[in-house]
């Protein structure tokens, strides 16, 4: 359980920086602190009631991870939070690989911040 706590503590420090987009439908690559996770995402053009953010989380670590939980913050043009939601990455993410996510949004925004808030380690390829 101590390993899980240390992994969760590390995960909370891994934040993917939000960048301001010209339009929410454009894809944006976000780099994580330390290069542990990266995200490439977009907001596809859908009716307002079906707005979602979708993309891939890239695992640049040597860890095989699962149960990756995301926090999505909706930001206005000034960078202020106007909404927040959470979601999951679909399936496991082996070391050096990626996995898909799609999270419904309550309101469209100018841009979004994507943060990995927790994950579980399946195995460590370095052990």
Protein backbone atom coordinates (compact mmCIF):
# COMPACT_ATOMS: atom_id res chain seq x y z
CA UNK A 1 0.00 0.00 0.00
CA UNK A 2 2.98 2.33 0.60
CA UNK A 3 3.97 2.01 -3.08
CA UNK A 4 0.43 2.95 -4.14
CA UNK A 5 0.49 6.02 -1.87
CA UNK A 6 3.82 7.16 -3.25
CA UNK A 7 2.55 6.68 -6.80
CA UNK A 8 -0.61 8.66 -6.01
CA UNK A 9 1.45 11.40 -4.36
CA UNK A 10 3.65 11.57 -7.45
CA UNK A 11 0.58 11.62 -9.71
CA UNK A 12 -0.81 14.66 -7.96
CA UNK A 13 2.39 16.52 -8.76
CA UNK A 14 2.21 15.60 -12.43
CA UNK A 15 0.16 18.36 -14.00
CA UNK A 16 -0.34 18.91 -17.67
CA UNK A 17 -0.08 22.62 -18.35
CA UNK A 18 -3.03 24.27 -20.05
CA UNK A 19 -2.41 26.31 -23.18
CA UNK A 20 -4.70 28.90 -24.73
CA UNK A 21 -6.18 27.76 -28.02
CA UNK A 22 -7.36 29.85 -30.92
CA UNK A 23 -10.51 27.72 -31.03
CA UNK A 24 -11.59 24.84 -28.78
CA UNK A 25 -11.87 22.42 -31.72
CA UNK A 26 -8.11 22.56 -32.45
CA UNK A 27 -5.80 19.86 -31.12
CA UNK A 28 -3.22 20.85 -28.52
CA UNK A 29 -0.30 18.88 -27.11
CA UNK A 30 0.34 19.41 -23.42
CA UNK A 31 3.58 18.45 -21.70
CA UNK A 32 3.58 17.08 -18.17
CA UNK A 33 6.06 18.18 -15.53
CA UNK A 34 8.98 15.80 -15.71
CA UNK A 35 7.68 14.22 -18.94
CA UNK A 36 5.78 11.41 -17.21
CA UNK A 37 2.48 11.83 -19.12
CA UNK A 38 1.54 13.86 -22.20
CA UNK A 39 -1.86 14.58 -23.68
CA UNK A 40 -3.00 15.35 -27.19
CA UNK A 41 -6.63 16.38 -27.26
CA UNK A 42 -9.34 18.18 -29.18
CA UNK A 43 -12.93 19.28 -28.78
CA UNK A 44 -14.77 18.00 -31.86
CA UNK A 45 -17.49 20.19 -33.42
CA UNK A 46 -20.72 18.79 -31.99
CA UNK A 47 -24.02 20.30 -30.88
CA UNK A 48 -23.61 22.25 -27.62
CA UNK A 49 -25.47 19.59 -25.63
CA UNK A 50 -22.93 16.93 -26.74
CA UNK A 51 -19.68 18.82 -26.12
CA UNK A 52 -16.78 16.57 -25.15
CA UNK A 53 -13.01 16.62 -24.94
CA UNK A 54 -11.22 13.63 -26.42
CA UNK A 55 -7.68 12.56 -27.10
CA UNK A 56 -4.81 10.39 -25.95
CA UNK A 57 -2.72 10.22 -22.82
CA UNK A 58 0.85 9.19 -23.60
CA UNK A 59 2.82 7.29 -20.97
CA UNK A 60 6.48 8.28 -21.27
CA UNK A 61 7.48 6.40 -18.12
CA UNK A 62 8.79 2.87 -17.64
CA UNK A 63 5.61 1.99 -15.70
CA UNK A 64 2.62 0.06 -17.06
CA UNK A 65 -0.34 1.96 -15.56
CA UNK A 66 -4.09 1.46 -15.27
CA UNK A 67 -7.11 3.24 -13.74
CA UNK A 68 -5.80 6.61 -14.96
CA UNK A 69 -8.11 9.33 -13.63
CA UNK A 70 -8.25 12.76 -15.30
CA UNK A 71 -9.34 16.17 -14.10
CA UNK A 72 -10.53 18.52 -16.86
CA UNK A 73 -10.74 22.23 -16.03
CA UNK A 74 -12.62 24.53 -18.43
CA UNK A 75 -10.93 27.95 -18.72
CA UNK A 76 -12.16 31.27 -20.08
CA UNK A 77 -10.01 33.54 -22.28
CA UNK A 78 -8.46 35.14 -19.18
CA UNK A 79 -7.39 31.71 -17.87
CA UNK A 80 -9.96 31.58 -15.07
CA UNK A 81 -11.65 28.28 -14.27
CA UNK A 82 -15.31 28.27 -15.33
CA UNK A 83 -16.00 24.57 -14.90
CA UNK A 84 -14.48 21.27 -13.89
CA UNK A 85 -15.16 17.60 -14.52
CA UNK A 86 -13.34 14.30 -14.24
CA UNK A 87 -13.08 11.17 -16.31
CA UNK A 88 -11.07 8.04 -17.00
CA UNK A 89 -8.64 6.87 -19.64
CA UNK A 90 -9.95 3.75 -21.39
CA UNK A 91 -7.86 0.70 -20.45
CA UNK A 92 -4.24 0.30 -19.45
CA UNK A 93 -1.34 2.37 -20.76
CA UNK A 94 1.81 0.27 -21.20
CA UNK A 95 5.17 2.01 -20.81
CA UNK A 96 5.92 4.05 -23.93
CA UNK A 97 2.36 3.76 -25.24
CA UNK A 98 -0.90 5.72 -25.26
CA UNK A 99 -4.60 5.26 -24.47
CA UNK A 100 -7.77 7.08 -25.55
CA UNK A 101 -10.05 9.22 -23.41
CA UNK A 102 -13.34 11.02 -24.03
CA UNK A 103 -14.94 13.13 -21.29
CA UNK A 104 -18.30 14.95 -21.63
CA UNK A 105 -18.16 18.69 -20.89
CA UNK A 106 -21.02 20.65 -19.35
CA UNK A 107 -20.06 23.91 -21.08
CA UNK A 108 -17.73 24.74 -23.96
CA UNK A 109 -14.78 26.95 -22.97
CA UNK A 110 -11.89 28.85 -24.58
CA UNK A 111 -9.42 26.17 -23.52
CA UNK A 112 -8.98 23.31 -21.10
CA UNK A 113 -6.48 22.01 -18.58
CA UNK A 114 -5.97 18.25 -18.45
CA UNK A 115 -4.44 16.78 -15.29
CA UNK A 116 -3.68 13.18 -14.36
CA UNK A 117 -4.85 13.00 -10.75
CA UNK A 118 -4.30 9.30 -10.03
CA UNK A 119 -3.30 5.97 -11.50
CA UNK A 120 -2.36 2.46 -10.42
CA UNK A 121 0.87 0.73 -11.40
CA UNK A 122 0.49 -2.66 -13.06
CA UNK A 123 4.22 -3.28 -13.44
CA UNK A 124 7.59 -1.56 -13.70
CA UNK A 125 9.59 -2.51 -16.79
CA UNK A 126 12.77 -1.43 -15.00
CA UNK A 127 12.46 -3.99 -12.19
